Amino acid sequence: MRHASIPYLVTTGESVLFATENAHPAQKYRLLVAESGGEVIGAAHVSLAHESRDPGQGTVTPHVHPGHRGRGAGSLLLRAAEEHLAAGGATRVYAWVTDEPRERAFAEGHGYAPRRPARFLRLDLAGGPLPDPAGLKPLPAGFELRTAADLAADPRPLFEADAEVSADEPGDISAELDDYQDWLRQTWNHPCLDRDLTSVVVAPDGRIAAFTAAHSDRATRYVTGMTGTLREFRGQGFARLVKTDSLRRARAAGHTEAFTSNDAGNAPMLAVNRWFGYEICGTEVRHVRELPTARNEP
């Protein structure tokens, strides 16, 4: 169902189970499913934004199989999700909505107001050209290009880099990564994180100056989860270097499609991805709804 309704993401059976088994208790995570005749026709990931500095932020995005839309499954999933989030203390709910008239009308009809768009991009790894690393800006003396697999003994430097760049990432919900054990459980040990394809630039003092986190299905599909450079190292071409290295590794490993996503306002990363040859393959619009409180609930 997820492959059919969200073709630009990497999802495996293992990753679906992993999310349900490893969520932080403060997330109040639920995976809701809609069934018809014993067949799963829709699903919704529901959680509280426990890493946000602003309490009461919830997220849900119901997805329904294209062949089963218009039958009420999305409304049932959304209603159940809102009830669960409200019981967990949420006062505001964010949802991503495909930028299509029918999908946006569904969201707005359920009280959700549009906020900002995000772009999904695709790159043909099998037939498209990739940059030659020799043509990129060379690393400064003392810096090294490695992979996350080289950090297996101590991934904390990658956590620290992830925490800094996540705080700078554009978005409606702020993120403050301060729980290393939770990061190990949900990010480092995620079954789709491909450490051999996750490229990093290591500074002379051991810090991760830049990285691109790669998810894959270990078959044909590759997705960039996050690309970031620490503030003091920006402007040196590190983002292009780690993405080039990761994409070339991905193609060598047999992946034929590369996907990524960017907030529409993230002009620097959109420019980098256009330079690589990524093309827009989908657009989603962030929507928000204020949940009614007990006092003003009809």
C-alpha atoms as a PDB file:
ATOM      1  CA  MET A   1       0.000   0.000   0.000  1.00  0.00           C
ATOM      2  CA  ARG A   2       2.776   2.448   0.890  1.00  0.00           C
ATOM      3  CA  HIS A   3       4.709   1.665  -2.289  1.00  0.00           C
ATOM      4  CA  ALA A   4       1.583   2.443  -4.323  1.00  0.00           C
ATOM      5  CA  SER A   5       0.590   5.615  -2.486  1.00  0.00           C
ATOM      6  CA  ILE A   6       4.051   7.105  -1.747  1.00  0.00           C
ATOM      7  CA  PRO A   7       6.326   5.935  -4.587  1.00  0.00           C
ATOM      8  CA  TYR A   8       9.164   8.358  -3.756  1.00  0.00           C
ATOM      9  CA  LEU A   9       9.973   6.914  -0.318  1.00  0.00           C
ATOM     10  CA  VAL A  10      11.840   3.788   0.755  1.00  0.00           C
ATOM     11  CA  THR A  11       9.657   1.453   2.779  1.00  0.00           C
ATOM     12  CA  THR A  12      10.264  -2.172   3.670  1.00  0.00           C
ATOM     13  CA  GLY A  13       8.334  -4.602   5.836  1.00  0.00           C
ATOM     14  CA  GLU A  14      11.203  -4.492   8.306  1.00  0.00           C
ATOM     15  CA  SER A  15      11.108  -0.684   8.524  1.00  0.00           C
ATOM     16  CA  VAL A  16       7.338  -0.679   9.189  1.00  0.00           C
ATOM     17  CA  LEU A  17       7.783  -3.072  12.105  1.00  0.00           C
ATOM     18  CA  PHE A  18      10.833  -1.176  13.323  1.00  0.00           C
ATOM     19  CA  ALA A  19       8.855   2.069  13.647  1.00  0.00           C
ATOM     20  CA  THR A  20       6.180   0.441  15.792  1.00  0.00           C
ATOM     21  CA  GLU A  21       8.688  -1.317  18.044  1.00  0.00           C
ATOM     22  CA  ASN A  22      11.238   1.456  18.601  1.00  0.00           C
ATOM     23  CA  ALA A  23       9.283   4.677  18.972  1.00  0.00           C
ATOM     24  CA  HIS A  24      10.094   6.820  21.997  1.00  0.00           C
ATOM     25  CA  PRO A  25       7.325   6.552  24.641  1.00  0.00           C
ATOM     26  CA  ALA A  26       6.843  10.341  24.526  1.00  0.00           C
ATOM     27  CA  GLN A  27       5.911  10.105  20.844  1.00  0.00           C
ATOM     28  CA  LYS A  28       2.673   8.258  21.658  1.00  0.00           C
ATOM     29  CA  TYR A  29       3.284   6.619  18.286  1.00  0.00           C
ATOM     30  CA  ARG A  30       0.523   4.675  16.558  1.00  0.00           C
ATOM     31  CA  LEU A  31       0.409   3.056  13.139  1.00  0.00           C
ATOM     32  CA  LEU A  32      -3.234   3.036  12.135  1.00  0.00           C
ATOM     33  CA  VAL A  33      -4.457   0.916   9.236  1.00  0.00           C
ATOM     34  CA  ALA A  34      -7.692   0.829   7.272  1.00  0.00           C
ATOM     35  CA  GLU A  35      -8.846  -2.529   5.976  1.00  0.00           C
ATOM     36  CA  SER A  36     -11.458  -3.673   3.483  1.00  0.00           C
ATOM     37  CA  GLY A  37     -12.204  -7.337   3.027  1.00  0.00           C
ATOM     38  CA  GLY A  38      -9.040  -8.251   4.911  1.00  0.00           C
ATOM     39  CA  GLU A  39      -6.861  -6.065   2.670  1.00  0.00           C
ATOM     40  CA  VAL A  40      -4.918  -3.070   3.991  1.00  0.00           C
ATOM     41  CA  ILE A  41      -6.080  -0.131   1.868  1.00  0.00           C
ATOM     42  CA  GLY A  42      -4.720   2.763   3.934  1.00  0.00           C
ATOM     43  CA  ALA A  43      -2.489   3.695   6.845  1.00  0.00           C
ATOM     44  CA  ALA A  44      -1.413   6.653   8.954  1.00  0.00           C
ATOM     45  CA  HIS A  45       1.679   7.239  11.070  1.00  0.00           C
ATOM     46  CA  VAL A  46       0.575   9.211  14.131  1.00  0.00           C
ATOM     47  CA  SER A  47       2.867  10.755  16.743  1.00  0.00           C
ATOM     48  CA  LEU A  48       3.659  13.678  18.985  1.00  0.00           C
ATOM     49  CA  ALA A  49       6.718  15.770  18.104  1.00  0.00           C
ATOM     50  CA  HIS A  50       8.569  14.852  21.294  1.00  0.00           C
ATOM     51  CA  GLU A  51      11.819  16.499  20.088  1.00  0.00           C
ATOM     52  CA  SER A  52      10.147  19.877  19.600  1.00  0.00           C
ATOM     53  CA  ARG A  53      10.716  22.760  21.989  1.00  0.00           C
ATOM     54  CA  ASP A  54       7.012  23.597  21.603  1.00  0.00           C
ATOM     55  CA  PRO A  55       4.728  21.106  23.380  1.00  0.00           C
ATOM     56  CA  GLY A  56       1.441  19.920  21.934  1.00  0.00           C
ATOM     57  CA  GLN A  57       2.583  19.427  18.318  1.00  0.00           C
ATOM     58  CA  GLY A  58       1.199  16.340  16.603  1.00  0.00           C
ATOM     59  CA  THR A  59       1.730  14.864  13.150  1.00  0.00           C
ATOM     60  CA  VAL A  60      -0.344  12.581  10.963  1.00  0.00           C
ATOM     61  CA  THR A  61      -0.502  11.907   7.254  1.00  0.00           C
ATOM     62  CA  PRO A  62      -3.065   9.342   6.124  1.00  0.00           C
ATOM     63  CA  HIS A  63      -2.289   7.519   2.892  1.00  0.00           C
ATOM     64  CA  VAL A  64      -4.868   5.511   0.982  1.00  0.00           C
ATOM     65  CA  HIS A  65      -4.151   3.143  -1.890  1.00  0.00           C
ATOM     66  CA  PRO A  66      -4.965   4.895  -5.193  1.00  0.00           C
ATOM     67  CA  GLY A  67      -7.453   2.176  -6.073  1.00  0.00           C
ATOM     68  CA  HIS A  68      -9.460   2.649  -2.877  1.00  0.00           C
ATOM     69  CA  ARG A  69      -9.768   6.419  -2.540  1.00  0.00           C
ATOM     70  CA  GLY A  70     -13.077   8.209  -2.183  1.00  0.00           C
ATOM     71  CA  ARG A  71     -14.618   5.527   0.046  1.00  0.00           C
ATOM     72  CA  GLY A  72     -14.066   7.128   3.462  1.00  0.00           C
ATOM     73  CA  ALA A  73     -10.888   5.346   4.569  1.00  0.00           C
ATOM     74  CA  GLY A  74      -8.925   8.599   4.781  1.00  0.00           C
ATOM     75  CA  SER A  75     -11.575  10.262   6.935  1.00  0.00           C
ATOM     76  CA  LEU A  76     -11.673   7.298   9.315  1.00  0.00           C
ATOM     77  CA  LEU A  77      -7.893   7.296   9.677  1.00  0.00           C
ATOM     78  CA  LEU A  78      -7.764  11.052  10.239  1.00  0.00           C
ATOM     79  CA  ARG A  79     -10.542  11.010  12.846  1.00  0.00           C
ATOM     80  CA  ALA A  80      -8.906   8.178  14.793  1.00  0.00           C
ATOM     81  CA  ALA A  81      -5.520   9.924  14.603  1.00  0.00           C
ATOM     82  CA  GLU A  82      -6.867  13.226  15.907  1.00  0.00           C
ATOM     83  CA  GLU A  83      -8.626  11.500  18.791  1.00  0.00           C
ATOM     84  CA  HIS A  84      -5.410   9.709  19.744  1.00  0.00           C
ATOM     85  CA  LEU A  85      -3.318  12.884  19.524  1.00  0.00           C
ATOM     86  CA  ALA A  86      -5.823  14.947  21.504  1.00  0.00           C
ATOM     87  CA  ALA A  87      -5.808  12.319  24.241  1.00  0.00           C
ATOM     88  CA  GLY A  88      -2.011  12.586  24.296  1.00  0.00           C
ATOM     89  CA  GLY A  89      -2.061  16.347  24.788  1.00  0.00           C
ATOM     90  CA  ALA A  90      -1.790  17.639  21.223  1.00  0.00           C
ATOM     91  CA  THR A  91      -3.350  21.013  20.475  1.00  0.00           C
ATOM     92  CA  ARG A  92      -2.135  21.331  16.880  1.00  0.00           C
ATOM     93  CA  VAL A  93      -1.820  18.705  14.136  1.00  0.00           C
ATOM     94  CA  TYR A  94       0.378  18.912  11.035  1.00  0.00           C
ATOM     95  CA  ALA A  95      -0.108  16.786   7.934  1.00  0.00           C
ATOM     96  CA  TRP A  96       1.525  16.546   4.525  1.00  0.00           C
ATOM     97  CA  VAL A  97      -0.931  16.629   1.630  1.00  0.00           C
ATOM     98  CA  THR A  98      -0.226  15.756  -1.998  1.00  0.00           C
ATOM     99  CA  ASP A  99      -0.496  18.897  -4.104  1.00  0.00           C
ATOM    100  CA  GLU A 100      -3.498  17.736  -6.097  1.00  0.00           C
ATOM    101  CA  PRO A 101      -6.947  19.415  -6.101  1.00  0.00           C
ATOM    102  CA  ARG A 102      -8.732  16.380  -4.674  1.00  0.00           C
ATOM    103  CA  GLU A 103      -6.203  15.831  -1.880  1.00  0.00           C
ATOM    104  CA  ARG A 104      -6.073  19.494  -0.886  1.00  0.00           C
ATOM    105  CA  ALA A 105      -9.872  19.707  -0.901  1.00  0.00           C
ATOM    106  CA  PHE A 106      -9.963  16.680   1.422  1.00  0.00           C
ATOM    107  CA  ALA A 107      -7.569  18.341   3.864  1.00  0.00           C
ATOM    108  CA  GLU A 108      -9.276  21.703   3.827  1.00  0.00           C
ATOM    109  CA  GLY A 109     -12.667  20.030   4.174  1.00  0.00           C
ATOM    110  CA  HIS A 110     -11.432  18.502   7.438  1.00  0.00           C
ATOM    111  CA  GLY A 111     -10.295  21.847   8.811  1.00  0.00           C
ATOM    112  CA  TYR A 112      -6.648  21.855   7.714  1.00  0.00           C
ATOM    113  CA  ALA A 113      -5.096  25.064   6.388  1.00  0.00           C
ATOM    114  CA  PRO A 114      -2.167  25.059   3.913  1.00  0.00           C
ATOM    115  CA  ARG A 115       1.229  26.268   5.098  1.00  0.00           C
ATOM    116  CA  ARG A 116       4.253  25.546   2.887  1.00  0.00           C
ATOM    117  CA  PRO A 117       5.211  23.179   0.054  1.00  0.00           C
ATOM    118  CA  ALA A 118       8.009  20.630  -0.216  1.00  0.00           C
ATOM    119  CA  ARG A 119       9.453  19.092  -3.362  1.00  0.00           C
ATOM    120  CA  PHE A 120      10.212  15.444  -4.021  1.00  0.00           C
ATOM    121  CA  LEU A 121      12.952  14.922  -6.579  1.00  0.00           C
ATOM    122  CA  ARG A 122      14.133  11.926  -8.585  1.00  0.00           C
ATOM    123  CA  LEU A 123      17.455  11.158 -10.241  1.00  0.00           C
ATOM    124  CA  ASP A 124      18.019   8.410 -12.806  1.00  0.00           C
ATOM    125  CA  LEU A 125      20.956   6.573 -11.308  1.00  0.00           C
ATOM    126  CA  ALA A 126      21.033   3.903 -13.975  1.00  0.00           C
ATOM    127  CA  GLY A 127      21.368   6.137 -17.019  1.00  0.00           C
ATOM    128  CA  GLY A 128      22.075   9.675 -15.868  1.00  0.00           C
ATOM    129  CA  PRO A 129      25.549  11.210 -15.489  1.00  0.00           C
ATOM    130  CA  LEU A 130      27.097  11.870 -12.100  1.00  0.00           C
ATOM    131  CA  PRO A 131      29.749  14.467 -11.266  1.00  0.00           C
ATOM    132  CA  ASP A 132      33.383  13.457 -11.405  1.00  0.00           C
ATOM    133  CA  PRO A 133      34.884  13.868  -7.896  1.00  0.00           C
ATOM    134  CA  ALA A 134      38.084  15.100  -9.535  1.00  0.00           C
ATOM    135  CA  GLY A 135      36.207  18.195 -10.685  1.00  0.00           C
ATOM    136  CA  LEU A 136      35.046  19.131  -7.189  1.00  0.00           C
ATOM    137  CA  LYS A 137      36.744  21.417  -4.733  1.00  0.00           C
ATOM    138  CA  PRO A 138      39.397  19.341  -2.901  1.00  0.00           C
ATOM    139  CA  LEU A 139      39.220  18.765   0.826  1.00  0.00           C
ATOM    140  CA  PRO A 140      41.365  21.037   2.994  1.00  0.00           C
ATOM    141  CA  ALA A 141      44.432  19.495   4.580  1.00  0.00           C
ATOM    142  CA  GLY A 142      43.581  17.177   7.462  1.00  0.00           C
ATOM    143  CA  PHE A 143      39.973  16.537   6.375  1.00  0.00           C
ATOM    144  CA  GLU A 144      38.931  13.048   5.268  1.00  0.00           C
ATOM    145  CA  LEU A 145      36.039  11.585   3.267  1.00  0.00           C
ATOM    146  CA  ARG A 146      34.636   8.461   4.926  1.00  0.00           C
ATOM    147  CA  THR A 147      31.382   6.537   5.358  1.00  0.00           C
ATOM    148  CA  ALA A 148      29.168   5.980   8.378  1.00  0.00           C
ATOM    149  CA  ALA A 149      30.344   2.372   8.389  1.00  0.00           C
ATOM    150  CA  ASP A 150      33.725   3.724   9.517  1.00  0.00           C
ATOM    151  CA  LEU A 151      32.006   5.201  12.593  1.00  0.00           C
ATOM    152  CA  ALA A 152      30.552   1.932  13.863  1.00  0.00           C
ATOM    153  CA  ALA A 153      32.724   1.962  16.981  1.00  0.00           C
ATOM    154  CA  ASP A 154      31.623   5.490  17.959  1.00  0.00           C
ATOM    155  CA  PRO A 155      28.787   7.170  16.011  1.00  0.00           C
ATOM    156  CA  ARG A 156      28.414  10.018  18.523  1.00  0.00           C
ATOM    157  CA  PRO A 157      30.172  12.573  16.245  1.00  0.00           C
ATOM    158  CA  LEU A 158      27.505  11.902  13.621  1.00  0.00           C
ATOM    159  CA  PHE A 159      24.777  12.396  16.238  1.00  0.00           C
ATOM    160  CA  GLU A 160      26.293  15.729  17.227  1.00  0.00           C
ATOM    161  CA  ALA A 161      26.416  16.858  13.591  1.00  0.00           C
ATOM    162  CA  ASP A 162      22.834  15.688  13.027  1.00  0.00           C
ATOM    163  CA  ALA A 163      21.693  17.646  16.080  1.00  0.00           C
ATOM    164  CA  GLU A 164      23.221  20.894  14.822  1.00  0.00           C
ATOM    165  CA  VAL A 165      21.966  20.710  11.239  1.00  0.00           C
ATOM    166  CA  SER A 166      18.494  19.525  12.332  1.00  0.00           C
ATOM    167  CA  ALA A 167      18.156  22.650  14.468  1.00  0.00           C
ATOM    168  CA  ASP A 168      18.816  24.765  11.346  1.00  0.00           C
ATOM    169  CA  GLU A 169      16.504  22.851   9.019  1.00  0.00           C
ATOM    170  CA  PRO A 170      13.480  24.848   7.758  1.00  0.00           C
ATOM    171  CA  GLY A 171      10.169  23.571   9.057  1.00  0.00           C
ATOM    172  CA  ASP A 172       7.027  24.178  11.052  1.00  0.00           C
ATOM    173  CA  ILE A 173       8.094  22.050  14.016  1.00  0.00           C
ATOM    174  CA  SER A 174      11.392  22.775  15.734  1.00  0.00           C
ATOM    175  CA  ALA A 175      13.650  19.834  16.471  1.00  0.00           C
ATOM    176  CA  GLU A 176      16.115  19.570  19.340  1.00  0.00           C
ATOM    177  CA  LEU A 177      18.092  16.335  19.293  1.00  0.00           C
ATOM    178  CA  ASP A 178      19.468  15.842  22.785  1.00  0.00           C
ATOM    179  CA  ASP A 179      18.882  12.143  23.501  1.00  0.00           C
ATOM    180  CA  TYR A 180      21.800  10.119  22.157  1.00  0.00           C
ATOM    181  CA  GLN A 181      20.326   6.759  23.152  1.00  0.00           C
ATOM    182  CA  ASP A 182      17.064   7.542  21.376  1.00  0.00           C
ATOM    183  CA  TRP A 183      19.020   8.659  18.296  1.00  0.00           C
ATOM    184  CA  LEU A 184      20.942   5.377  18.321  1.00  0.00           C
ATOM    185  CA  ARG A 185      17.702   3.431  18.588  1.00  0.00           C
ATOM    186  CA  GLN A 186      15.662   5.273  15.959  1.00  0.00           C
ATOM    187  CA  THR A 187      18.220   6.717  13.537  1.00  0.00           C
ATOM    188  CA  TRP A 188      21.519   4.844  13.703  1.00  0.00           C
ATOM    189  CA  ASN A 189      19.863   1.425  13.977  1.00  0.00           C
ATOM    190  CA  HIS A 190      17.092   2.100  11.467  1.00  0.00           C
ATOM    191  CA  PRO A 191      16.987  -0.866   9.053  1.00  0.00           C
ATOM    192  CA  CYS A 192      16.906   1.396   5.980  1.00  0.00           C
ATOM    193  CA  LEU A 193      19.936   3.477   6.996  1.00  0.00           C
ATOM    194  CA  ASP A 194      22.659   2.340   4.632  1.00  0.00           C
ATOM    195  CA  ARG A 195      25.897   3.090   6.452  1.00  0.00           C
ATOM    196  CA  ASP A 196      28.021   2.083   3.466  1.00  0.00           C
ATOM    197  CA  LEU A 197      26.258   4.734   1.361  1.00  0.00           C
ATOM    198  CA  THR A 198      26.156   7.420   4.074  1.00  0.00           C
ATOM    199  CA  SER A 199      29.135   9.660   3.323  1.00  0.00           C
ATOM    200  CA  VAL A 200      30.775  11.985   5.852  1.00  0.00           C
ATOM    201  CA  VAL A 201      33.572  14.549   5.923  1.00  0.00           C
ATOM    202  CA  VAL A 202      35.636  14.183   9.090  1.00  0.00           C
ATOM    203  CA  ALA A 203      37.438  17.275  10.366  1.00  0.00           C
ATOM    204  CA  PRO A 204      40.988  17.062  11.800  1.00  0.00           C
ATOM    205  CA  ASP A 205      39.586  17.198  15.361  1.00  0.00           C
ATOM    206  CA  GLY A 206      37.276  14.222  14.741  1.00  0.00           C
ATOM    207  CA  ARG A 207      34.064  16.173  14.291  1.00  0.00           C
ATOM    208  CA  ILE A 208      31.764  15.400  11.375  1.00  0.00           C
ATOM    209  CA  ALA A 209      31.952  18.568   9.264  1.00  0.00           C
ATOM    210  CA  ALA A 210      29.335  17.409   6.742  1.00  0.00           C
ATOM    211  CA  PHE A 211      27.301  14.312   5.936  1.00  0.00           C
ATOM    212  CA  THR A 212      24.582  12.903   3.757  1.00  0.00           C
ATOM    213  CA  ALA A 213      22.458  10.153   5.327  1.00  0.00           C
ATOM    214  CA  ALA A 214      21.347   7.497   2.852  1.00  0.00           C
ATOM    215  CA  HIS A 215      18.400   5.127   3.147  1.00  0.00           C
ATOM    216  CA  SER A 216      18.005   2.240   0.738  1.00  0.00           C
ATOM    217  CA  ASP A 217      15.999  -0.919   0.213  1.00  0.00           C
ATOM    218  CA  ARG A 218      19.263  -2.810  -0.501  1.00  0.00           C
ATOM    219  CA  ALA A 219      17.931  -3.374  -4.017  1.00  0.00           C
ATOM    220  CA  THR A 220      17.162  -0.559  -6.488  1.00  0.00           C
ATOM    221  CA  ARG A 221      15.855   2.420  -4.492  1.00  0.00           C
ATOM    222  CA  TYR A 222      17.974   5.013  -2.679  1.00  0.00           C
ATOM    223  CA  VAL A 223      16.759   8.042  -0.710  1.00  0.00           C
ATOM    224  CA  THR A 224      18.719  10.890   0.833  1.00  0.00           C
ATOM    225  CA  GLY A 225      17.445  11.285   4.378  1.00  0.00           C
ATOM    226  CA  MET A 226      19.414  14.388   5.419  1.00  0.00           C
ATOM    227  CA  THR A 227      22.342  16.334   4.005  1.00  0.00           C
ATOM    228  CA  GLY A 228      23.959  18.900   6.230  1.00  0.00           C
ATOM    229  CA  THR A 229      27.113  20.858   6.934  1.00  0.00           C
ATOM    230  CA  LEU A 230      28.070  22.296  10.320  1.00  0.00           C
ATOM    231  CA  ARG A 231      27.800  26.074  10.367  1.00  0.00           C
ATOM    232  CA  GLU A 232      31.529  26.812  10.599  1.00  0.00           C
ATOM    233  CA  PHE A 233      32.315  24.563   7.617  1.00  0.00           C
ATOM    234  CA  ARG A 234      29.732  25.885   5.160  1.00  0.00           C
ATOM    235  CA  GLY A 235      30.716  27.371   1.827  1.00  0.00           C
ATOM    236  CA  GLN A 236      33.541  24.895   1.147  1.00  0.00           C
ATOM    237  CA  GLY A 237      31.674  22.517  -1.168  1.00  0.00           C
ATOM    238  CA  PHE A 238      31.320  19.727   1.387  1.00  0.00           C
ATOM    239  CA  ALA A 239      27.622  19.090   0.616  1.00  0.00           C
ATOM    240  CA  ARG A 240      28.347  18.432  -3.062  1.00  0.00           C
ATOM    241  CA  LEU A 241      31.290  16.232  -2.155  1.00  0.00           C
ATOM    242  CA  VAL A 242      29.408  13.922   0.237  1.00  0.00           C
ATOM    243  CA  LYS A 243      26.396  13.695  -2.088  1.00  0.00           C
ATOM    244  CA  THR A 244      28.624  12.884  -5.070  1.00  0.00           C
ATOM    245  CA  ASP A 245      30.424  10.189  -3.125  1.00  0.00           C
ATOM    246  CA  SER A 246      27.184   8.684  -1.821  1.00  0.00           C
ATOM    247  CA  LEU A 247      25.443   8.678  -5.207  1.00  0.00           C
ATOM    248  CA  ARG A 248      28.403   7.050  -6.919  1.00  0.00           C
ATOM    249  CA  ARG A 249      28.521   4.382  -4.226  1.00  0.00           C
ATOM    250  CA  ALA A 250      24.781   3.830  -4.635  1.00  0.00           C
ATOM    251  CA  ARG A 251      25.069   3.309  -8.382  1.00  0.00           C
ATOM    252  CA  ALA A 252      28.002   0.952  -7.908  1.00  0.00           C
ATOM    253  CA  ALA A 253      25.841  -1.041  -5.471  1.00  0.00           C
ATOM    254  CA  GLY A 254      23.147  -1.510  -8.130  1.00  0.00           C
ATOM    255  CA  HIS A 255      20.620   1.173  -7.203  1.00  0.00           C
ATOM    256  CA  THR A 256      18.800   2.588 -10.215  1.00  0.00           C
ATOM    257  CA  GLU A 257      16.675   5.382  -8.700  1.00  0.00           C
ATOM    258  CA  ALA A 258      17.645   8.124  -6.271  1.00  0.00           C
ATOM    259  CA  PHE A 259      15.065  10.237  -4.461  1.00  0.00           C
ATOM    260  CA  THR A 260      15.302  13.196  -2.142  1.00  0.00           C
ATOM    261  CA  SER A 261      13.071  15.959  -0.796  1.00  0.00           C
ATOM    262  CA  ASN A 262      13.535  19.622   0.053  1.00  0.00           C
ATOM    263  CA  ASP A 263      11.474  22.308   1.669  1.00  0.00           C
ATOM    264  CA  ALA A 264      10.482  24.699  -1.112  1.00  0.00           C
ATOM    265  CA  GLY A 265      12.184  27.487   0.826  1.00  0.00           C
ATOM    266  CA  ASN A 266      15.496  25.660   1.152  1.00  0.00           C
ATOM    267  CA  ALA A 267      17.067  27.348  -1.863  1.00  0.00           C
ATOM    268  CA  PRO A 268      20.683  26.190  -1.211  1.00  0.00           C
ATOM    269  CA  MET A 269      19.826  22.469  -1.189  1.00  0.00           C
ATOM    270  CA  LEU A 270      17.403  22.800  -4.115  1.00  0.00           C
ATOM    271  CA  ALA A 271      20.225  24.406  -6.096  1.00  0.00           C
ATOM    272  CA  VAL A 272      22.623  21.600  -5.159  1.00  0.00           C
ATOM    273  CA  ASN A 273      20.131  18.935  -6.202  1.00  0.00           C
ATOM    274  CA  ARG A 274      19.364  20.656  -9.507  1.00  0.00           C
ATOM    275  CA  TRP A 275      23.129  20.690 -10.136  1.00  0.00           C
ATOM    276  CA  PHE A 276      23.143  16.902  -9.719  1.00  0.00           C
ATOM    277  CA  GLY A 277      20.318  16.558 -12.242  1.00  0.00           C
ATOM    278  CA  TYR A 278      17.438  15.779  -9.874  1.00  0.00           C
ATOM    279  CA  GLU A 279      14.004  16.563 -11.316  1.00  0.00           C
ATOM    280  CA  ILE A 280      10.817  17.274  -9.389  1.00  0.00           C
ATOM    281  CA  CYS A 281       8.586  14.206  -9.266  1.00  0.00           C
ATOM    282  CA  GLY A 282       6.034  15.328  -6.697  1.00  0.00           C
ATOM    283  CA  THR A 283       4.978  18.149  -4.415  1.00  0.00           C
ATOM    284  CA  GLU A 284       3.374  18.005  -0.990  1.00  0.00           C
ATOM    285  CA  VAL A 285       1.962  20.878   1.012  1.00  0.00           C
ATOM    286  CA  ARG A 286       2.190  21.036   4.789  1.00  0.00           C
ATOM    287  CA  HIS A 287      -1.222  21.638   6.382  1.00  0.00           C
ATOM    288  CA  VAL A 288      -2.154  22.390   9.984  1.00  0.00           C
ATOM    289  CA  ARG A 289      -5.244  22.196  12.138  1.00  0.00           C
ATOM    290  CA  GLU A 290      -5.808  23.560  15.618  1.00  0.00           C
ATOM    291  CA  LEU A 291      -7.563  20.896  17.667  1.00  0.00           C
ATOM    292  CA  PRO A 292     -10.626  22.104  19.607  1.00  0.00           C
ATOM    293  CA  THR A 293     -10.205  22.234  23.376  1.00  0.00           C
ATOM    294  CA  ALA A 294     -12.691  20.793  25.808  1.00  0.00           C
ATOM    295  CA  ARG A 295     -14.085  24.292  26.472  1.00  0.00           C
ATOM    296  CA  ASN A 296     -14.954  25.170  22.908  1.00  0.00           C
ATOM    297  CA  GLU A 297     -15.673  21.715  21.555  1.00  0.00           C
ATOM    298  CA  PRO A 298     -19.219  21.560  20.150  1.00  0.00           C
END
